[in-house]
Structure formats: C-alpha cells, structure tokens
C-alpha cells in the first residue's frame, strides 16, 4: 500500500494523541471541510437560455424546410404546366435526345 509521506505523518501524529484529543482532532478536521453549495438559480437561468436557443434553432430549421418544400412544389407544378403545353411530338423528341445522350437505345 502506497501512503503519501504527508498523510503518514498525519496518521502517526493522530495515533500519538491521547484518546480525548483524538476526538477533538476529528471534530476540527470535520469542521474545516468546506461544503460545496449549488446555486440552482444559475442552472435555471442557463437552462432557460438554452431552451430559447434550441427553440429558435428548431423554428429556423422548420421555416427553411417549409420554404424548401414550397419551392419544390412550385418546380413540380412548373414542370407539369410545361409538359401540358408541349405537343406529344416534342415530348417524344426530348425523350429520344435524352436516350441518345445517355447511350440508351
């Protein structure tokens, strides 16, 4: 068992004291220990700030997603409109040219 020299000297000093002084020594050691206190107000305020930040990020991402869907639907409607306006012969030529470019027969 490894014991730090400082700790060993404390133990030896404690053992050399009479019994009534040992108890006083323990009490003094116990009273000198500082207690850690937690300020829950700080945690509460930080949690509140974090919650607002997260909600703002979610709202921003949601709005971005809705705009993306809106843009996609406009693009799809535009394609449908364009397709309806073209004659069947033009659509067939477009398919053939795409097939030729892609190397399909």
N, C-alpha and C. Protein backbone atom coordinates (compact mmCIF):
# COMPACT_ATOMS: atom_id res chain seq x y z
N UNK A 1 0.85 -1.17 0.00
CA UNK A 1 0.00 0.00 0.00
C UNK A 1 0.89 1.23 0.00
N UNK A 2 0.64 2.12 -0.96
CA UNK A 2 1.41 3.35 -1.04
C UNK A 2 0.74 4.42 -0.19
N UNK A 3 1.52 5.07 0.65
CA UNK A 3 1.00 6.14 1.50
C UNK A 3 1.88 7.35 1.30
N UNK A 4 1.26 8.47 1.04
CA UNK A 4 1.99 9.72 0.89
C UNK A 4 2.62 10.08 2.24
N UNK A 5 3.83 10.60 2.22
CA UNK A 5 4.56 10.89 3.46
C UNK A 5 3.79 11.88 4.33
N UNK A 6 3.16 12.87 3.71
CA UNK A 6 2.37 13.84 4.48
C UNK A 6 1.21 13.17 5.18
N UNK A 7 0.54 12.25 4.49
CA UNK A 7 -0.57 11.51 5.09
C UNK A 7 -0.08 10.62 6.22
N UNK A 8 1.07 9.98 6.03
CA UNK A 8 1.63 9.10 7.05
C UNK A 8 1.96 9.89 8.31
N UNK A 9 2.51 11.09 8.15
CA UNK A 9 2.84 11.90 9.33
C UNK A 9 1.58 12.33 10.06
N UNK A 10 0.48 12.59 9.33
CA UNK A 10 -0.78 12.94 9.99
C UNK A 10 -1.31 11.76 10.80
N UNK A 11 -1.22 10.57 10.23
CA UNK A 11 -1.70 9.37 10.93
C UNK A 11 -0.86 9.13 12.18
N UNK A 12 0.45 9.22 12.06
CA UNK A 12 1.32 9.00 13.22
C UNK A 12 1.07 10.04 14.30
N UNK A 13 0.87 11.30 13.89
CA UNK A 13 0.58 12.35 14.86
C UNK A 13 -0.74 12.06 15.56
N UNK A 14 -1.74 11.66 14.81
CA UNK A 14 -3.05 11.36 15.36
C UNK A 14 -2.98 10.20 16.35
N UNK A 15 -2.24 9.17 16.00
CA UNK A 15 -2.11 8.00 16.88
C UNK A 15 -1.36 8.34 18.17
N UNK A 16 -0.49 9.34 18.14
CA UNK A 16 0.27 9.69 19.34
C UNK A 16 -0.53 10.55 20.30
N UNK A 17 -1.68 11.05 19.89
CA UNK A 17 -2.50 11.88 20.77
C UNK A 17 -3.27 11.02 21.76
N UNK A 18 -3.55 11.56 22.96
CA UNK A 18 -4.44 10.84 23.89
C UNK A 18 -5.84 10.74 23.29
N UNK A 19 -6.64 9.81 23.81
CA UNK A 19 -7.94 9.49 23.23
C UNK A 19 -8.87 10.70 23.18
N UNK A 20 -8.93 11.52 24.22
CA UNK A 20 -9.85 12.66 24.22
C UNK A 20 -9.44 13.72 23.20
N UNK A 21 -8.15 13.87 22.95
CA UNK A 21 -7.69 14.83 21.96
C UNK A 21 -7.90 14.30 20.53
N UNK A 22 -7.93 13.00 20.40
CA UNK A 22 -8.17 12.42 19.08
C UNK A 22 -9.56 12.82 18.58
N UNK A 23 -10.54 12.72 19.48
CA UNK A 23 -11.91 13.07 19.09
C UNK A 23 -11.98 14.55 18.72
N UNK A 24 -11.31 15.40 19.50
CA UNK A 24 -11.30 16.83 19.19
C UNK A 24 -10.63 17.07 17.84
N UNK A 25 -9.58 16.33 17.57
CA UNK A 25 -8.86 16.47 16.30
C UNK A 25 -9.78 16.10 15.13
N UNK A 26 -10.56 15.03 15.28
CA UNK A 26 -11.50 14.63 14.23
C UNK A 26 -12.55 15.71 14.02
N UNK A 27 -13.06 16.25 15.10
CA UNK A 27 -14.09 17.28 15.00
C UNK A 27 -13.55 18.50 14.28
N UNK A 28 -12.34 18.90 14.62
CA UNK A 28 -11.73 20.05 13.98
C UNK A 28 -11.54 19.77 12.49
N UNK A 29 -11.06 18.58 12.15
CA UNK A 29 -10.86 18.25 10.74
C UNK A 29 -12.19 18.29 10.00
N UNK A 30 -13.25 17.78 10.64
CA UNK A 30 -14.55 17.74 10.00
C UNK A 30 -15.09 19.15 9.78
N UNK A 31 -14.91 20.01 10.75
CA UNK A 31 -15.44 21.37 10.65
C UNK A 31 -14.68 22.19 9.61
N UNK A 32 -13.45 21.86 9.32
CA UNK A 32 -12.66 22.63 8.36
C UNK A 32 -13.03 22.32 6.91
N UNK A 33 -13.72 21.22 6.69
CA UNK A 33 -14.08 20.83 5.33
C UNK A 33 -15.15 21.80 4.82
N UNK A 34 -14.88 22.42 3.69
CA UNK A 34 -15.86 23.35 3.13
C UNK A 34 -16.90 22.57 2.33
N UNK A 35 -18.11 23.01 2.43
CA UNK A 35 -19.21 22.37 1.72
C UNK A 35 -19.39 23.05 0.36
N UNK A 36 -19.64 22.26 -0.65
CA UNK A 36 -19.92 22.81 -1.96
C UNK A 36 -21.40 23.13 -2.02
N UNK A 37 -21.70 24.36 -2.36
CA UNK A 37 -23.10 24.76 -2.49
C UNK A 37 -23.41 24.96 -3.96
N UNK A 38 -24.62 24.66 -4.32
CA UNK A 38 -25.04 24.77 -5.71
C UNK A 38 -26.05 25.91 -5.81
N UNK A 39 -25.79 26.79 -6.73
CA UNK A 39 -26.73 27.88 -6.98
C UNK A 39 -27.67 27.43 -8.10
N UNK A 40 -28.85 26.96 -7.72
CA UNK A 40 -29.79 26.44 -8.71
C UNK A 40 -30.34 27.55 -9.59
N UNK A 41 -30.29 28.79 -9.11
CA UNK A 41 -30.77 29.90 -9.93
C UNK A 41 -29.94 30.03 -11.20
N UNK A 42 -28.64 29.83 -11.08
CA UNK A 42 -27.77 29.92 -12.26
C UNK A 42 -28.13 28.82 -13.26
N UNK A 43 -28.31 27.59 -12.75
CA UNK A 43 -28.67 26.49 -13.64
C UNK A 43 -30.03 26.74 -14.30
N UNK A 44 -30.95 27.28 -13.54
CA UNK A 44 -32.28 27.55 -14.08
C UNK A 44 -32.21 28.59 -15.19
N UNK A 45 -31.46 29.66 -14.95
CA UNK A 45 -31.36 30.70 -15.98
C UNK A 45 -30.63 30.18 -17.22
N UNK A 46 -29.58 29.37 -17.01
CA UNK A 46 -28.86 28.81 -18.16
C UNK A 46 -29.75 27.85 -18.94
N UNK A 47 -30.54 27.05 -18.22
CA UNK A 47 -31.45 26.12 -18.89
C UNK A 47 -32.49 26.90 -19.69
N UNK A 48 -32.96 28.02 -19.13
CA UNK A 48 -33.92 28.85 -19.85
C UNK A 48 -33.32 29.42 -21.13
N UNK A 49 -32.09 29.90 -21.04
CA UNK A 49 -31.42 30.43 -22.23
C UNK A 49 -31.21 29.34 -23.27
N UNK A 50 -30.80 28.16 -22.79
CA UNK A 50 -30.56 27.05 -23.70
C UNK A 50 -31.86 26.65 -24.39
N UNK A 51 -32.96 26.62 -23.62
CA UNK A 51 -34.24 26.24 -24.18
C UNK A 51 -34.66 27.21 -25.28
N UNK A 52 -34.50 28.51 -25.03
CA UNK A 52 -34.87 29.51 -26.04
C UNK A 52 -34.00 29.36 -27.29
N UNK A 53 -32.73 29.11 -27.11
CA UNK A 53 -31.82 28.94 -28.25
C UNK A 53 -32.22 27.73 -29.08
N UNK A 54 -32.52 26.64 -28.41
CA UNK A 54 -32.91 25.41 -29.12
C UNK A 54 -34.22 25.63 -29.88
N UNK A 55 -35.19 26.27 -29.22
CA UNK A 55 -36.47 26.52 -29.88
C UNK A 55 -36.28 27.43 -31.10
N UNK A 56 -35.42 28.44 -30.97
CA UNK A 56 -35.15 29.32 -32.11
C UNK A 56 -34.53 28.54 -33.26
N UNK A 57 -33.59 27.64 -32.95
CA UNK A 57 -32.96 26.83 -34.00
C UNK A 57 -33.98 25.91 -34.67
N UNK A 58 -34.85 25.32 -33.88
CA UNK A 58 -35.88 24.43 -34.44
C UNK A 58 -36.82 25.22 -35.35
N UNK A 59 -37.24 26.40 -34.88
CA UNK A 59 -38.12 27.24 -35.70
C UNK A 59 -37.46 27.63 -37.01
N UNK A 60 -36.18 27.99 -36.94
CA UNK A 60 -35.45 28.39 -38.14
C UNK A 60 -35.34 27.23 -39.12
N UNK A 61 -35.00 26.04 -38.62
CA UNK A 61 -34.89 24.86 -39.49
C UNK A 61 -36.24 24.49 -40.09
N UNK A 62 -37.31 24.60 -39.28
CA UNK A 62 -38.65 24.29 -39.76
C UNK A 62 -39.03 25.24 -40.90
N UNK A 63 -38.80 26.54 -40.70
CA UNK A 63 -39.13 27.53 -41.74
C UNK A 63 -38.33 27.27 -43.01
N UNK A 64 -37.06 26.93 -42.86
CA UNK A 64 -36.23 26.63 -44.02
C UNK A 64 -36.78 25.40 -44.77
N UNK A 65 -37.21 24.38 -44.02
CA UNK A 65 -37.76 23.17 -44.62
C UNK A 65 -39.07 23.47 -45.36
N UNK A 66 -39.93 24.29 -44.74
CA UNK A 66 -41.21 24.64 -45.38
C UNK A 66 -40.95 25.40 -46.68
N UNK A 67 -40.00 26.33 -46.68
CA UNK A 67 -39.66 27.06 -47.91
C UNK A 67 -39.12 26.11 -48.98
N UNK A 68 -38.32 25.15 -48.55
CA UNK A 68 -37.78 24.17 -49.50
C UNK A 68 -38.91 23.37 -50.14
N UNK A 69 -39.86 22.90 -49.31
CA UNK A 69 -41.00 22.14 -49.85
C UNK A 69 -41.83 23.00 -50.80
N UNK A 70 -42.01 24.26 -50.43
CA UNK A 70 -42.77 25.17 -51.28
C UNK A 70 -42.08 25.36 -52.63
N UNK A 71 -40.77 25.55 -52.59
CA UNK A 71 -40.01 25.72 -53.84
C UNK A 71 -40.09 24.46 -54.69
N UNK A 72 -40.00 23.29 -54.05
CA UNK A 72 -40.08 22.03 -54.79
C UNK A 72 -41.45 21.86 -55.44
N UNK A 73 -42.51 22.22 -54.71
CA UNK A 73 -43.85 22.07 -55.28
C UNK A 73 -44.06 23.04 -56.44
N UNK A 74 -43.50 24.25 -56.32
CA UNK A 74 -43.60 25.20 -57.44
C UNK A 74 -42.87 24.66 -58.66
N UNK A 75 -41.70 24.06 -58.43
CA UNK A 75 -40.94 23.48 -59.54
C UNK A 75 -41.69 22.34 -60.19
N UNK A 76 -42.35 21.52 -59.38
CA UNK A 76 -43.11 20.39 -59.93
C UNK A 76 -44.31 20.90 -60.72
N UNK A 77 -44.99 21.91 -60.20
CA UNK A 77 -46.13 22.49 -60.93
C UNK A 77 -45.67 23.11 -62.24
N UNK A 78 -44.52 23.76 -62.19
CA UNK A 78 -43.98 24.37 -63.41
C UNK A 78 -43.68 23.31 -64.46
N UNK A 79 -43.12 22.18 -64.03
CA UNK A 79 -42.81 21.09 -64.95
C UNK A 79 -44.09 20.51 -65.55
N UNK A 80 -45.13 20.34 -64.71
CA UNK A 80 -46.41 19.83 -65.22
C UNK A 80 -47.02 20.79 -66.24
N UNK A 81 -46.96 22.07 -65.92
CA UNK A 81 -47.51 23.08 -66.84
C UNK A 81 -46.76 23.06 -68.16
N UNK A 82 -45.44 23.00 -68.08
CA UNK A 82 -44.63 22.98 -69.30
C UNK A 82 -44.93 21.72 -70.11
N UNK A 83 -45.06 20.59 -69.44
CA UNK A 83 -45.34 19.33 -70.13
C UNK A 83 -46.69 19.39 -70.82
N UNK A 84 -47.69 19.99 -70.18
CA UNK A 84 -49.02 20.10 -70.79
C UNK A 84 -49.01 20.99 -72.02
N UNK A 85 -48.15 21.99 -72.01
CA UNK A 85 -48.10 22.93 -73.13
C UNK A 85 -47.39 22.36 -74.36
N UNK A 86 -46.49 21.41 -74.13
CA UNK A 86 -45.73 20.85 -75.25
C UNK A 86 -46.58 19.80 -75.98
N UNK A 87 -46.33 19.70 -77.26
CA UNK A 87 -47.05 18.70 -78.05
C UNK A 87 -46.45 17.33 -77.77
N UNK A 88 -47.21 16.27 -78.00
CA UNK A 88 -46.68 14.91 -77.80
C UNK A 88 -45.44 14.63 -78.65
N UNK A 89 -45.38 15.22 -79.86
CA UNK A 89 -44.22 15.01 -80.72
C UNK A 89 -42.96 15.62 -80.10
N UNK A 90 -43.09 16.80 -79.52
CA UNK A 90 -41.95 17.47 -78.89
C UNK A 90 -41.47 16.67 -77.68
N UNK A 91 -42.41 16.14 -76.90
CA UNK A 91 -42.04 15.33 -75.73
C UNK A 91 -41.31 14.06 -76.17
N UNK A 92 -41.77 13.46 -77.27
CA UNK A 92 -41.12 12.25 -77.78
C UNK A 92 -39.71 12.56 -78.26
N UNK A 93 -39.52 13.69 -78.92
CA UNK A 93 -38.18 14.10 -79.35
C UNK A 93 -37.26 14.35 -78.15
N UNK A 94 -37.79 14.93 -77.09
CA UNK A 94 -36.99 15.18 -75.89
C UNK A 94 -36.55 13.86 -75.26
N UNK A 95 -37.46 12.87 -75.23
CA UNK A 95 -37.10 11.55 -74.68
C UNK A 95 -36.02 10.89 -75.52
N UNK A 96 -36.16 10.98 -76.87
CA UNK A 96 -35.18 10.37 -77.76
C UNK A 96 -33.81 11.04 -77.61
N UNK A 97 -33.78 12.36 -77.48
CA UNK A 97 -32.49 13.04 -77.35
C UNK A 97 -31.83 12.69 -76.00
N UNK A 98 -32.63 12.58 -74.95
CA UNK A 98 -32.08 12.15 -73.65
C UNK A 98 -31.51 10.75 -73.73
N UNK A 99 -32.22 9.87 -74.42
CA UNK A 99 -31.76 8.48 -74.57
C UNK A 99 -30.47 8.44 -75.37
N UNK A 100 -30.36 9.27 -76.39
CA UNK A 100 -29.15 9.29 -77.21
C UNK A 100 -27.97 9.83 -76.41
N UNK A 101 -28.22 10.82 -75.59
CA UNK A 101 -27.14 11.39 -74.76
C UNK A 101 -26.67 10.37 -73.73
N UNK A 102 -27.60 9.64 -73.15
CA UNK A 102 -27.25 8.65 -72.11
C UNK A 102 -26.75 7.34 -72.70
N UNK A 103 -26.79 7.19 -74.01
CA UNK A 103 -26.29 5.99 -74.65
C UNK A 103 -27.27 4.84 -74.64
N UNK A 104 -28.54 5.14 -74.43
CA UNK A 104 -29.55 4.10 -74.44
C UNK A 104 -30.07 3.92 -75.87
N UNK A 105 -30.60 2.75 -76.14
CA UNK A 105 -31.14 2.53 -77.49
C UNK A 105 -32.64 2.45 -77.48
